PDB file of all heavy atoms in Angstrom:
ATOM      1  N   GLU A   1      30.985 -13.290  -1.521  1.00  0.00           N
ATOM      2  CA  GLU A   1      30.723 -14.777  -1.464  1.00  0.00           C
ATOM      3  C   GLU A   1      29.921 -15.320  -2.563  1.00  0.00           C
ATOM      4  O   GLU A   1      30.197 -16.531  -2.978  1.00  0.00           O
ATOM      5  CB  GLU A   1      29.909 -14.959  -0.103  1.00  0.00           C
ATOM      6  CG  GLU A   1      30.686 -14.635   1.299  1.00  0.00           C
ATOM      7  CD  GLU A   1      29.903 -14.733   2.475  1.00  0.00           C
ATOM      8  OE1 GLU A   1      28.595 -15.059   2.302  1.00  0.00           O
ATOM      9  OE2 GLU A   1      30.405 -14.412   3.553  1.00  0.00           O
ATOM     10  N   SER A   2      28.923 -14.523  -3.085  1.00  0.00           N
ATOM     11  CA  SER A   2      28.116 -15.087  -4.171  1.00  0.00           C
ATOM     12  C   SER A   2      27.567 -13.901  -5.008  1.00  0.00           C
ATOM     13  O   SER A   2      26.482 -13.557  -4.649  1.00  0.00           O
ATOM     14  CB  SER A   2      27.026 -16.055  -3.718  1.00  0.00           C
ATOM     15  OG  SER A   2      26.278 -16.490  -4.664  1.00  0.00           O
ATOM     16  N   ALA A   3      28.286 -13.517  -5.853  1.00  0.00           N
ATOM     17  CA  ALA A   3      27.708 -12.303  -6.737  1.00  0.00           C
ATOM     18  C   ALA A   3      26.478 -12.692  -7.571  1.00  0.00           C
ATOM     19  O   ALA A   3      25.582 -11.857  -7.674  1.00  0.00           O
ATOM     20  CB  ALA A   3      28.777 -11.941  -7.753  1.00  0.00           C
ATOM     21  N   ASP A   4      26.349 -13.868  -7.827  1.00  0.00           N
ATOM     22  CA  ASP A   4      25.095 -14.327  -8.655  1.00  0.00           C
ATOM     23  C   ASP A   4      23.771 -14.350  -7.695  1.00  0.00           C
ATOM     24  O   ASP A   4      22.845 -14.055  -8.115  1.00  0.00           O
ATOM     25  CB  ASP A   4      25.325 -15.798  -9.120  1.00  0.00           C
ATOM     26  CG  ASP A   4      26.221 -15.878 -10.344  1.00  0.00           C
ATOM     27  OD1 ASP A   4      26.585 -14.783 -10.899  1.00  0.00           O
ATOM     28  OD2 ASP A   4      26.753 -17.035 -10.604  1.00  0.00           O
ATOM     29  N   SER A   5      24.061 -14.812  -6.436  1.00  0.00           N
ATOM     30  CA  SER A   5      23.000 -14.798  -5.509  1.00  0.00           C
ATOM     31  C   SER A   5      22.511 -13.372  -5.015  1.00  0.00           C
ATOM     32  O   SER A   5      21.333 -12.944  -5.174  1.00  0.00           O
ATOM     33  CB  SER A   5      23.475 -15.429  -4.174  1.00  0.00           C
ATOM     34  OG  SER A   5      22.517 -15.284  -3.286  1.00  0.00           O
ATOM     35  N   LEU A   6      23.397 -12.467  -5.001  1.00  0.00           N
ATOM     36  CA  LEU A   6      23.101 -11.005  -4.711  1.00  0.00           C
ATOM     37  C   LEU A   6      22.326 -10.420  -6.004  1.00  0.00           C
ATOM     38  O   LEU A   6      21.279  -9.812  -5.828  1.00  0.00           O
ATOM     39  CB  LEU A   6      24.339 -10.158  -4.431  1.00  0.00           C
ATOM     40  CG  LEU A   6      23.970  -8.810  -4.156  1.00  0.00           C
ATOM     41  CD1 LEU A   6      23.291  -8.569  -2.793  1.00  0.00           C
ATOM     42  CD2 LEU A   6      25.312  -7.920  -4.090  1.00  0.00           C
ATOM     43  N   ALA A   7      22.897 -10.755  -7.130  1.00  0.00           N
ATOM     44  CA  ALA A   7      22.243 -10.199  -8.379  1.00  0.00           C
ATOM     45  C   ALA A   7      20.831 -10.779  -8.601  1.00  0.00           C
ATOM     46  O   ALA A   7      19.868 -10.116  -8.844  1.00  0.00           O
ATOM     47  CB  ALA A   7      23.040 -10.673  -9.545  1.00  0.00           C
ATOM     48  N   GLU A   8      20.644 -12.057  -8.205  1.00  0.00           N
ATOM     49  CA  GLU A   8      19.270 -12.672  -8.196  1.00  0.00           C
ATOM     50  C   GLU A   8      18.322 -12.033  -7.301  1.00  0.00           C
ATOM     51  O   GLU A   8      17.147 -11.749  -7.581  1.00  0.00           O
ATOM     52  CB  GLU A   8      19.406 -14.155  -7.919  1.00  0.00           C
ATOM     53  CG  GLU A   8      18.153 -14.941  -8.030  1.00  0.00           C
ATOM     54  CD  GLU A   8      18.192 -16.423  -7.697  1.00  0.00           C
ATOM     55  OE1 GLU A   8      19.358 -16.872  -7.698  1.00  0.00           O
ATOM     56  OE2 GLU A   8      17.184 -17.061  -7.564  1.00  0.00           O
ATOM     57  N   ALA A   9      18.737 -11.649  -6.034  1.00  0.00           N
ATOM     58  CA  ALA A   9      18.043 -11.077  -5.097  1.00  0.00           C
ATOM     59  C   ALA A   9      17.555  -9.725  -5.541  1.00  0.00           C
ATOM     60  O   ALA A   9      16.389  -9.163  -5.126  1.00  0.00           O
ATOM     61  CB  ALA A   9      18.811 -10.921  -3.738  1.00  0.00           C
ATOM     62  N   PHE A  10      18.333  -8.934  -6.269  1.00  0.00           N
ATOM     63  CA  PHE A  10      18.054  -7.682  -6.690  1.00  0.00           C
ATOM     64  C   PHE A  10      17.552  -7.624  -8.170  1.00  0.00           C
ATOM     65  O   PHE A  10      17.472  -6.572  -8.760  1.00  0.00           O
ATOM     66  CB  PHE A  10      19.161  -6.651  -6.443  1.00  0.00           C
ATOM     67  CG  PHE A  10      19.340  -6.340  -4.995  1.00  0.00           C
ATOM     68  CD1 PHE A  10      20.059  -7.097  -4.173  1.00  0.00           C
ATOM     69  CD2 PHE A  10      18.600  -5.116  -4.611  1.00  0.00           C
ATOM     70  CE1 PHE A  10      20.235  -6.786  -2.853  1.00  0.00           C
ATOM     71  CE2 PHE A  10      18.792  -4.871  -3.208  1.00  0.00           C
ATOM     72  CZ  PHE A  10      19.587  -5.645  -2.300  1.00  0.00           C
ATOM     73  N   GLU A  11      17.305  -8.744  -8.798  1.00  0.00           N
ATOM     74  CA  GLU A  11      16.981  -8.806 -10.211  1.00  0.00           C
ATOM     75  C   GLU A  11      15.574  -8.051 -10.433  1.00  0.00           C
ATOM     76  O   GLU A  11      15.512  -7.376 -11.360  1.00  0.00           O
ATOM     77  CB  GLU A  11      16.858 -10.212 -10.543  1.00  0.00           C
ATOM     78  CG  GLU A  11      16.435 -10.426 -12.110  1.00  0.00           C
ATOM     79  CD  GLU A  11      16.322 -11.920 -12.441  1.00  0.00           C
ATOM     80  OE1 GLU A  11      16.456 -12.779 -11.620  1.00  0.00           O
ATOM     81  OE2 GLU A  11      16.018 -12.177 -13.747  1.00  0.00           O
ATOM     82  N   SER A  12      14.611  -8.271  -9.492  1.00  0.00           N
ATOM     83  CA  SER A  12      13.373  -7.547  -9.779  1.00  0.00           C
ATOM     84  C   SER A  12      13.423  -6.005  -9.684  1.00  0.00           C
ATOM     85  O   SER A  12      12.991  -5.244 -10.637  1.00  0.00           O
ATOM     86  CB  SER A  12      12.419  -7.945  -8.708  1.00  0.00           C
ATOM     87  OG  SER A  12      11.151  -7.282  -8.829  1.00  0.00           O
ATOM     88  N   SER A  13      14.209  -5.405  -8.705  1.00  0.00           N
ATOM     89  CA  SER A  13      14.407  -4.019  -8.562  1.00  0.00           C
ATOM     90  C   SER A  13      15.186  -3.449  -9.837  1.00  0.00           C
ATOM     91  O   SER A  13      15.036  -2.369 -10.340  1.00  0.00           O
ATOM     92  CB  SER A  13      15.097  -3.636  -7.434  1.00  0.00           C
ATOM     93  OG  SER A  13      16.268  -4.163  -7.209  1.00  0.00           O
ATOM     94  N   GLN A  14      16.218  -4.233 -10.280  1.00  0.00           N
ATOM     95  CA  GLN A  14      16.990  -3.931 -11.418  1.00  0.00           C
ATOM     96  C   GLN A  14      16.150  -3.736 -12.708  1.00  0.00           C
ATOM     97  O   GLN A  14      16.235  -2.836 -13.478  1.00  0.00           O
ATOM     98  CB  GLN A  14      18.190  -4.832 -11.690  1.00  0.00           C
ATOM     99  CG  GLN A  14      19.286  -4.811 -10.714  1.00  0.00           C
ATOM    100  CD  GLN A  14      20.239  -3.599 -10.888  1.00  0.00           C
ATOM    101  OE1 GLN A  14      20.317  -2.572 -10.169  1.00  0.00           O
ATOM    102  NE2 GLN A  14      21.030  -3.722 -12.117  1.00  0.00           N
ATOM    103  N   ARG A  15      15.310  -4.766 -12.828  1.00  0.00           N
ATOM    104  CA  ARG A  15      14.444  -4.798 -13.937  1.00  0.00           C
ATOM    105  C   ARG A  15      13.499  -3.732 -13.867  1.00  0.00           C
ATOM    106  O   ARG A  15      13.152  -3.008 -15.018  1.00  0.00           O
ATOM    107  CB  ARG A  15      13.724  -6.134 -14.054  1.00  0.00           C
ATOM    108  CG  ARG A  15      12.790  -6.348 -15.279  1.00  0.00           C
ATOM    109  CD  ARG A  15      12.247  -7.783 -15.483  1.00  0.00           C
ATOM    110  NE  ARG A  15      11.451  -8.181 -14.228  1.00  0.00           N
ATOM    111  CZ  ARG A  15      11.889  -8.985 -13.340  1.00  0.00           C
ATOM    112  NH1 ARG A  15      13.159  -9.612 -13.546  1.00  0.00           N
ATOM    113  NH2 ARG A  15      11.070  -9.436 -12.381  1.00  0.00           N
ATOM    114  N   GLU A  16      12.894  -3.413 -12.869  1.00  0.00           N
ATOM    115  CA  GLU A  16      11.948  -2.307 -12.792  1.00  0.00           C
ATOM    116  C   GLU A  16      12.540  -0.990 -13.070  1.00  0.00           C
ATOM    117  O   GLU A  16      11.942  -0.190 -13.744  1.00  0.00           O
ATOM    118  CB  GLU A  16      11.342  -2.341 -11.226  1.00  0.00           C
ATOM    119  CG  GLU A  16      10.403  -1.138 -11.078  1.00  0.00           C
ATOM    120  CD  GLU A  16       9.837  -1.100  -9.631  1.00  0.00           C
ATOM    121  OE1 GLU A  16      10.198  -1.958  -8.840  1.00  0.00           O
ATOM    122  OE2 GLU A  16       9.013  -0.300  -9.350  1.00  0.00           O
ATOM    123  N   LEU A  17      13.778  -0.765 -12.565  1.00  0.00           N
ATOM    124  CA  LEU A  17      14.611   0.544 -12.927  1.00  0.00           C
ATOM    125  C   LEU A  17      14.745   0.560 -14.342  1.00  0.00           C
ATOM    126  O   LEU A  17      14.588   1.593 -15.033  1.00  0.00           O
ATOM    127  CB  LEU A  17      15.887   0.540 -12.087  1.00  0.00           C
ATOM    128  CG  LEU A  17      16.759   1.630 -12.480  1.00  0.00           C
ATOM    129  CD1 LEU A  17      16.029   3.023 -12.192  1.00  0.00           C
ATOM    130  CD2 LEU A  17      18.022   1.667 -11.532  1.00  0.00           C
ATOM    131  N   GLY A  18      15.192  -0.543 -14.981  1.00  0.00           N
ATOM    132  CA  GLY A  18      15.432  -0.552 -16.397  1.00  0.00           C
ATOM    133  C   GLY A  18      14.166  -0.188 -17.248  1.00  0.00           C
ATOM    134  O   GLY A  18      14.203   0.518 -18.236  1.00  0.00           O
ATOM    135  N   GLU A  19      13.034  -0.774 -16.728  1.00  0.00           N
ATOM    136  CA  GLU A  19      11.720  -0.431 -17.503  1.00  0.00           C
ATOM    137  C   GLU A  19      11.380   0.933 -17.329  1.00  0.00           C
ATOM    138  O   GLU A  19      10.933   1.658 -18.124  1.00  0.00           O
ATOM    139  CB  GLU A  19      10.708  -1.390 -16.886  1.00  0.00           C
ATOM    140  CG  GLU A  19      10.914  -2.834 -17.334  1.00  0.00           C
ATOM    141  CD  GLU A  19       9.891  -3.741 -16.570  1.00  0.00           C
ATOM    142  OE1 GLU A  19       9.166  -3.119 -15.601  1.00  0.00           O
ATOM    143  OE2 GLU A  19       9.746  -4.908 -16.819  1.00  0.00           O
ATOM    144  N   ASN A  20      11.679   1.618 -16.043  1.00  0.00           N
ATOM    145  CA  ASN A  20      11.368   2.993 -15.865  1.00  0.00           C
ATOM    146  C   ASN A  20      12.251   3.831 -16.773  1.00  0.00           C
ATOM    147  O   ASN A  20      11.801   4.877 -17.274  1.00  0.00           O
ATOM    148  CB  ASN A  20      11.469   3.348 -14.477  1.00  0.00           C
ATOM    149  CG  ASN A  20      10.422   2.762 -13.566  1.00  0.00           C
ATOM    150  OD1 ASN A  20       9.351   2.508 -14.036  1.00  0.00           O
ATOM    151  ND2 ASN A  20      10.741   2.629 -12.245  1.00  0.00           N
ATOM    152  N   LEU A  21      13.447   3.427 -16.842  1.00  0.00           N
ATOM    153  CA  LEU A  21      14.406   4.223 -17.785  1.00  0.00           C
ATOM    154  C   LEU A  21      13.941   4.225 -19.155  1.00  0.00           C
ATOM    155  O   LEU A  21      14.028   5.281 -19.932  1.00  0.00           O
ATOM    156  CB  LEU A  21      15.968   3.673 -17.556  1.00  0.00           C
ATOM    157  CG  LEU A  21      16.574   3.959 -16.292  1.00  0.00           C
ATOM    158  CD1 LEU A  21      17.875   3.284 -16.171  1.00  0.00           C
ATOM    159  CD2 LEU A  21      16.741   5.373 -16.010  1.00  0.00           C
ATOM    160  N   ASP A  22      13.493   3.066 -19.737  1.00  0.00           N
ATOM    161  CA  ASP A  22      13.038   2.988 -21.024  1.00  0.00           C
ATOM    162  C   ASP A  22      11.867   3.811 -21.265  1.00  0.00           C
ATOM    163  O   ASP A  22      11.759   4.451 -22.275  1.00  0.00           O
ATOM    164  CB  ASP A  22      12.633   1.455 -21.336  1.00  0.00           C
ATOM    165  CG  ASP A  22      13.861   0.580 -21.436  1.00  0.00           C
ATOM    166  OD1 ASP A  22      15.011   1.020 -21.639  1.00  0.00           O
ATOM    167  OD2 ASP A  22      13.676  -0.699 -21.239  1.00  0.00           O
ATOM    168  N   ARG A  23      10.886   3.851 -20.347  1.00  0.00           N
ATOM    169  CA  ARG A  23       9.792   4.838 -20.559  1.00  0.00           C
ATOM    170  C   ARG A  23      10.203   6.197 -20.548  1.00  0.00           C
ATOM    171  O   ARG A  23       9.760   7.025 -21.164  1.00  0.00           O
ATOM    172  CB  ARG A  23       8.765   4.478 -19.382  1.00  0.00           C
ATOM    173  CG  ARG A  23       7.999   3.238 -19.575  1.00  0.00           C
ATOM    174  CD  ARG A  23       6.790   3.141 -18.569  1.00  0.00           C
ATOM    175  NE  ARG A  23       7.147   3.011 -17.304  1.00  0.00           N
ATOM    176  CZ  ARG A  23       7.360   1.823 -16.652  1.00  0.00           C
ATOM    177  NH1 ARG A  23       7.105   0.769 -17.321  1.00  0.00           N
ATOM    178  NH2 ARG A  23       7.787   1.738 -15.430  1.00  0.00           N
ATOM    179  N   ALA A  24      11.080   6.579 -19.586  1.00  0.00           N
ATOM    180  CA  ALA A  24      11.594   7.935 -19.526  1.00  0.00           C
ATOM    181  C   ALA A  24      12.325   8.316 -20.886  1.00  0.00           C
ATOM    182  O   ALA A  24      12.037   9.463 -21.276  1.00  0.00           O
ATOM    183  CB  ALA A  24      12.561   8.106 -18.328  1.00  0.00           C
ATOM    184  N   ARG A  25      13.155   7.381 -21.324  1.00  0.00           N
ATOM    185  CA  ARG A  25      13.780   7.763 -22.655  1.00  0.00           C
ATOM    186  C   ARG A  25      12.810   7.997 -23.662  1.00  0.00           C
ATOM    187  O   ARG A  25      12.924   9.015 -24.564  1.00  0.00           O
ATOM    188  CB  ARG A  25      14.780   6.658 -23.133  1.00  0.00           C
ATOM    189  CG  ARG A  25      15.985   6.437 -22.118  1.00  0.00           C
ATOM    190  CD  ARG A  25      16.852   5.363 -22.750  1.00  0.00           C
ATOM    191  NE  ARG A  25      17.955   5.041 -21.677  1.00  0.00           N
ATOM    192  CZ  ARG A  25      17.940   3.891 -21.019  1.00  0.00           C
ATOM    193  NH1 ARG A  25      16.879   2.996 -21.168  1.00  0.00           N
ATOM    194  NH2 ARG A  25      18.894   3.621 -20.176  1.00  0.00           N
ATOM    195  N   SER A  26      11.738   7.250 -23.755  1.00  0.00           N
ATOM    196  CA  SER A  26      10.774   7.337 -24.852  1.00  0.00           C
ATOM    197  C   SER A  26       9.881   8.609 -24.716  1.00  0.00           C
ATOM    198  O   SER A  26       9.343   9.069 -25.741  1.00  0.00           O
ATOM    199  CB  SER A  26       9.841   6.107 -24.878  1.00  0.00           C
ATOM    200  OG  SER A  26       9.049   6.134 -23.773  1.00  0.00           O
ATOM    201  N   ARG A  27       9.833   9.215 -23.488  1.00  0.00           N
ATOM    202  CA  ARG A  27       9.048  10.412 -23.305  1.00  0.00           C
ATOM    203  C   ARG A  27       9.915  11.693 -23.157  1.00  0.00           C
ATOM    204  O   ARG A  27       9.343  12.706 -22.976  1.00  0.00           O
ATOM    205  CB  ARG A  27       8.173  10.152 -22.009  1.00  0.00           C
ATOM    206  CG  ARG A  27       7.247   9.109 -22.202  1.00  0.00           C
ATOM    207  CD  ARG A  27       6.272   9.032 -20.946  1.00  0.00           C
ATOM    208  NE  ARG A  27       5.479  10.181 -20.851  1.00  0.00           N
ATOM    209  CZ  ARG A  27       4.573  10.547 -19.972  1.00  0.00           C
ATOM    210  NH1 ARG A  27       4.470   9.685 -18.886  1.00  0.00           N
ATOM    211  NH2 ARG A  27       3.957  11.629 -19.956  1.00  0.00           N
ATOM    212  N   LEU A  28      11.242  11.442 -23.287  1.00  0.00           N
ATOM    213  CA  LEU A  28      12.065  12.629 -23.238  1.00  0.00           C
ATOM    214  C   LEU A  28      11.668  13.817 -23.990  1.00  0.00           C
ATOM    215  O   LEU A  28      11.877  14.998 -23.699  1.00  0.00           O
ATOM    216  CB  LEU A  28      13.662  12.157 -23.348  1.00  0.00           C
ATOM    217  CG  LEU A  28      14.695  13.191 -23.097  1.00  0.00           C
ATOM    218  CD1 LEU A  28      14.641  13.674 -21.627  1.00  0.00           C
ATOM    219  CD2 LEU A  28      15.976  12.674 -23.323  1.00  0.00           C
ATOM    220  N   HIS A  29      11.402  13.548 -25.279  1.00  0.00           N
ATOM    221  CA  HIS A  29      11.138  14.550 -26.301  1.00  0.00           C
ATOM    222  C   HIS A  29       9.869  15.391 -25.832  1.00  0.00           C
ATOM    223  O   HIS A  29       9.671  16.505 -26.266  1.00  0.00           O
ATOM    224  CB  HIS A  29      10.793  13.931 -27.668  1.00  0.00           C
ATOM    225  CG  HIS A  29       9.551  13.067 -27.679  1.00  0.00           C
ATOM    226  ND1 HIS A  29       9.562  11.823 -27.251  1.00  0.00           N
ATOM    227  CD2 HIS A  29       8.332  13.431 -28.205  1.00  0.00           C
ATOM    228  CE1 HIS A  29       8.331  11.349 -27.415  1.00  0.00           C
ATOM    229  NE2 HIS A  29       7.503  12.320 -28.031  1.00  0.00           N
ATOM    230  N   GLU A  30       9.039  14.881 -24.883  1.00  0.00           N
ATOM    231  CA  GLU A  30       7.959  15.564 -24.438  1.00  0.00           C
ATOM    232  C   GLU A  30       8.185  16.698 -23.240  1.00  0.00           C
ATOM    233  O   GLU A  30       7.309  17.486 -23.045  1.00  0.00           O
ATOM    234  CB  GLU A  30       6.883  14.643 -23.876  1.00  0.00           C
ATOM    235  CG  GLU A  30       6.358  13.618 -24.877  1.00  0.00           C
ATOM    236  CD  GLU A  30       5.470  12.532 -24.214  1.00  0.00           C
ATOM    237  OE1 GLU A  30       4.980  12.840 -23.093  1.00  0.00           O
ATOM    238  OE2 GLU A  30       5.240  11.527 -24.791  1.00  0.00           O
ATOM    239  N   VAL A  31       9.417  16.611 -22.787  1.00  0.00           N
ATOM    240  CA  VAL A  31       9.685  17.465 -21.764  1.00  0.00           C
ATOM    241  C   VAL A  31       9.849  19.004 -22.139  1.00  0.00           C
ATOM    242  O   VAL A  31      10.468  19.204 -23.163  1.00  0.00           O
ATOM    243  CB  VAL A  31      10.984  17.047 -21.105  1.00  0.00           C
ATOM    244  CG1 VAL A  31      11.477  18.015 -19.976  1.00  0.00           C
ATOM    245  CG2 VAL A  31      10.925  15.662 -20.480  1.00  0.00           C
ATOM    246  N   ARG A  32       9.241  19.793 -21.424  1.00  0.00           N
ATOM    247  CA  ARG A  32       9.304  21.279 -21.663  1.00  0.00           C
ATOM    248  C   ARG A  32       9.656  21.985 -20.369  1.00  0.00           C
ATOM    249  O   ARG A  32       9.094  21.563 -19.276  1.00  0.00           O
ATOM    250  CB  ARG A  32       7.996  21.920 -22.240  1.00  0.00           C
ATOM    251  CG  ARG A  32       7.519  21.309 -23.564  1.00  0.00           C
ATOM    252  CD  ARG A  32       8.535  21.636 -24.710  1.00  0.00           C
ATOM    253  NE  ARG A  32       8.160  21.035 -26.057  1.00  0.00           N
ATOM    254  CZ  ARG A  32       8.490  19.909 -26.429  1.00  0.00           C
ATOM    255  NH1 ARG A  32       9.330  19.174 -25.804  1.00  0.00           N
ATOM    256  NH2 ARG A  32       8.092  19.506 -27.652  1.00  0.00           N
ATOM    257  N   VAL A  33      10.537  22.914 -20.484  1.00  0.00           N
ATOM    258  CA  VAL A  33      10.948  23.711 -19.273  1.00  0.00           C
ATOM    259  C   VAL A  33      10.326  25.100 -19.316  1.00  0.00           C
ATOM    260  O   VAL A  33      10.694  25.773 -20.274  1.00  0.00           O
ATOM    261  CB  VAL A  33      12.515  23.748 -19.070  1.00  0.00           C
ATOM    262  CG1 VAL A  33      12.865  24.475 -17.899  1.00  0.00           C
ATOM    263  CG2 VAL A  33      13.110  22.287 -19.101  1.00  0.00           C
ATOM    264  N   ASP A  34       9.437  25.388 -18.478  1.00  0.00           N
ATOM    265  CA  ASP A  34       8.887  26.706 -18.661  1.00  0.00           C
ATOM    266  C   ASP A  34       9.657  27.805 -18.105  1.00  0.00           C
ATOM    267  O   ASP A  34      10.751  27.562 -17.506  1.00  0.00           O
ATOM    268  CB  ASP A  34       7.363  26.800 -17.947  1.00  0.00           C
ATOM    269  CG  ASP A  34       7.434  26.389 -16.545  1.00  0.00           C
ATOM    270  OD1 ASP A  34       8.450  26.973 -15.803  1.00  0.00           O
ATOM    271  OD2 ASP A  34       6.506  25.891 -15.875  1.00  0.00           O
ATOM    272  N   ARG A  35       9.239  29.116 -18.215  1.00  0.00           N
ATOM    273  CA  ARG A  35       9.963  30.247 -17.851  1.00  0.00           C
ATOM    274  C   ARG A  35      10.166  30.261 -16.415  1.00  0.00           C
ATOM    275  O   ARG A  35      11.367  30.736 -15.960  1.00  0.00           O
ATOM    276  CB  ARG A  35       9.221  31.535 -18.304  1.00  0.00           C
ATOM    277  CG  ARG A  35       9.975  32.789 -18.139  1.00  0.00           C
ATOM    278  CD  ARG A  35      11.026  33.043 -19.113  1.00  0.00           C
ATOM    279  NE  ARG A  35      11.627  34.288 -19.027  1.00  0.00           N
ATOM    280  CZ  ARG A  35      12.638  34.811 -19.939  1.00  0.00           C
ATOM    281  NH1 ARG A  35      13.048  34.033 -20.873  1.00  0.00           N
ATOM    282  NH2 ARG A  35      13.175  35.941 -19.810  1.00  0.00           N
ATOM    283  N   GLU A  36       9.225  29.951 -15.589  1.00  0.00           N
ATOM    284  CA  GLU A  36       9.409  30.074 -14.121  1.00  0.00           C
ATOM    285  C   GLU A  36      10.393  28.987 -13.587  1.00  0.00           C
ATOM    286  O   GLU A  36      11.191  29.302 -12.722  1.00  0.00           O
ATOM    287  CB  GLU A  36       8.157  29.829 -13.506  1.00  0.00           C
ATOM    288  CG  GLU A  36       8.096  29.949 -11.917  1.00  0.00           C
ATOM    289  CD  GLU A  36       8.787  31.297 -11.409  1.00  0.00           C
ATOM    290  OE1 GLU A  36       8.408  32.311 -12.123  1.00  0.00           O
ATOM    291  OE2 GLU A  36       9.304  31.264 -10.410  1.00  0.00           O
ATOM    292  N   GLN A  37      10.401  27.835 -14.258  1.00  0.00           N
ATOM    293  CA  GLN A  37      11.407  26.840 -13.868  1.00  0.00           C
ATOM    294  C   GLN A  37      12.860  27.318 -14.276  1.00  0.00           C
ATOM    295  O   GLN A  37      13.799  27.192 -13.478  1.00  0.00           O
ATOM    296  CB  GLN A  37      11.099  25.538 -14.571  1.00  0.00           C
ATOM    297  CG  GLN A  37      10.055  24.797 -14.089  1.00  0.00           C
ATOM    298  CD  GLN A  37       9.532  23.637 -14.904  1.00  0.00           C
ATOM    299  OE1 GLN A  37       9.636  23.702 -16.097  1.00  0.00           O
ATOM    300  NE2 GLN A  37       9.056  22.585 -14.314  1.00  0.00           N
ATOM    301  N   LYS A  38      12.964  27.999 -15.412  1.00  0.00           N
ATOM    302  CA  LYS A  38      14.289  28.474 -15.789  1.00  0.00           C
ATOM    303  C   LYS A  38      14.715  29.603 -14.871  1.00  0.00           C
ATOM    304  O   LYS A  38      15.879  29.746 -14.484  1.00  0.00           O
ATOM    305  CB  LYS A  38      14.305  29.048 -17.219  1.00  0.00           C
ATOM    306  CG  LYS A  38      13.917  28.044 -18.352  1.00  0.00           C
ATOM    307  CD  LYS A  38      13.825  28.724 -19.635  1.00  0.00           C
ATOM    308  CE  LYS A  38      13.294  27.588 -20.690  1.00  0.00           C
ATOM    309  NZ  LYS A  38      13.128  28.187 -22.106  1.00  0.00           N
ATOM    310  N   ARG A  39      13.844  30.403 -14.425  1.00  0.00           N
ATOM    311  CA  ARG A  39      14.145  31.462 -13.464  1.00  0.00           C
ATOM    312  C   ARG A  39      14.623  30.814 -12.130  1.00  0.00           C
ATOM    313  O   ARG A  39      15.636  31.344 -11.644  1.00  0.00           O
ATOM    314  CB  ARG A  39      12.920  32.262 -13.169  1.00  0.00           C
ATOM    315  CG  ARG A  39      13.142  33.460 -12.092  1.00  0.00           C
ATOM    316  CD  ARG A  39      11.919  34.391 -12.048  1.00  0.00           C
ATOM    317  NE  ARG A  39      11.687  35.045 -13.274  1.00  0.00           N
ATOM    318  CZ  ARG A  39      12.339  36.118 -13.606  1.00  0.00           C
ATOM    319  NH1 ARG A  39      13.224  36.648 -12.935  1.00  0.00           N
ATOM    320  NH2 ARG A  39      12.082  36.666 -14.807  1.00  0.00           N
ATOM    321  N   ARG A  40      13.975  29.785 -11.537  1.00  0.00           N
ATOM    322  CA  ARG A  40      14.461  29.249 -10.468  1.00  0.00           C
ATOM    323  C   ARG A  40      15.834  28.610 -10.549  1.00  0.00           C
ATOM    324  O   ARG A  40      16.648  28.703  -9.636  1.00  0.00           O
ATOM    325  CB  ARG A  40      13.484  28.188  -9.925  1.00  0.00           C
ATOM    326  CG  ARG A  40      12.183  28.736  -9.505  1.00  0.00           C
ATOM    327  CD  ARG A  40      11.368  27.657  -8.448  1.00  0.00           C
ATOM    328  NE  ARG A  40      11.116  26.457  -9.304  1.00  0.00           N
ATOM    329  CZ  ARG A  40      10.051  26.201  -9.955  1.00  0.00           C
ATOM    330  NH1 ARG A  40       9.133  27.155 -10.106  1.00  0.00           N
ATOM    331  NH2 ARG A  40       9.864  24.990 -10.460  1.00  0.00           N
ATOM    332  N   ILE A  41      16.080  28.025 -11.758  1.00  0.00           N
ATOM    333  CA  ILE A  41      17.474  27.426 -12.041  1.00  0.00           C
ATOM    334  C   ILE A  41      18.431  28.466 -12.001  1.00  0.00           C
ATOM    335  O   ILE A  41      19.512  28.330 -11.284  1.00  0.00           O
ATOM    336  CB  ILE A  41      17.402  26.565 -13.306  1.00  0.00           C
ATOM    337  CG1 ILE A  41      16.530  25.297 -13.239  1.00  0.00           C
ATOM    338  CG2 ILE A  41      18.852  26.220 -13.760  1.00  0.00           C
ATOM    339  CD1 ILE A  41      16.248  24.644 -14.542  1.00  0.00           C
ATOM    340  N   ALA A  42      18.083  29.609 -12.551  1.00  0.00           N
ATOM    341  CA  ALA A  42      19.101  30.759 -12.753  1.00  0.00           C
ATOM    342  C   ALA A  42      19.416  31.325 -11.341  1.00  0.00           C
ATOM    343  O   ALA A  42      20.401  31.744 -11.076  1.00  0.00           O
ATOM    344  CB  ALA A  42      18.503  31.789 -13.644  1.00  0.00           C
ATOM    345  N   GLN A  43      18.213  31.452 -10.496  1.00  0.00           N
ATOM    346  CA  GLN A  43      18.446  31.984  -9.176  1.00  0.00           C
ATOM    347  C   GLN A  43      19.328  31.071  -8.383  1.00  0.00           C
ATOM    348  O   GLN A  43      20.267  31.582  -7.569  1.00  0.00           O
ATOM    349  CB  GLN A  43      17.135  32.121  -8.592  1.00  0.00           C
ATOM    350  CG  GLN A  43      16.268  33.266  -9.184  1.00  0.00           C
ATOM    351  CD  GLN A  43      14.858  33.315  -8.608  1.00  0.00           C
ATOM    352  OE1 GLN A  43      14.278  32.322  -8.075  1.00  0.00           O
ATOM    353  NE2 GLN A  43      14.218  34.493  -8.729  1.00  0.00           N
ATOM    354  N   ASP A  44      19.108  29.662  -8.505  1.00  0.00           N
ATOM    355  CA  ASP A  44      19.931  28.889  -7.732  1.00  0.00           C
ATOM    356  C   ASP A  44      21.495  28.910  -8.228  1.00  0.00           C
ATOM    357  O   ASP A  44      22.287  28.846  -7.377  1.00  0.00           O
ATOM    358  CB  ASP A  44      19.455  27.495  -7.812  1.00  0.00           C
ATOM    359  CG  ASP A  44      18.137  27.178  -7.096  1.00  0.00           C
ATOM    360  OD1 ASP A  44      17.763  27.938  -6.241  1.00  0.00           O
ATOM    361  OD2 ASP A  44      17.437  26.148  -7.354  1.00  0.00           O
TER     362      ASP A  44
END
């Protein structure tokens, strides 16, 4: 009925998600996977 109206209603949550993604991308290089995490992944 009104795609613009729905988009406006969820604009805040969309913007918040976008900001969280930007922060995550900027910190991706800091991620380290330790040996125990690798073991759990391999076991699964």
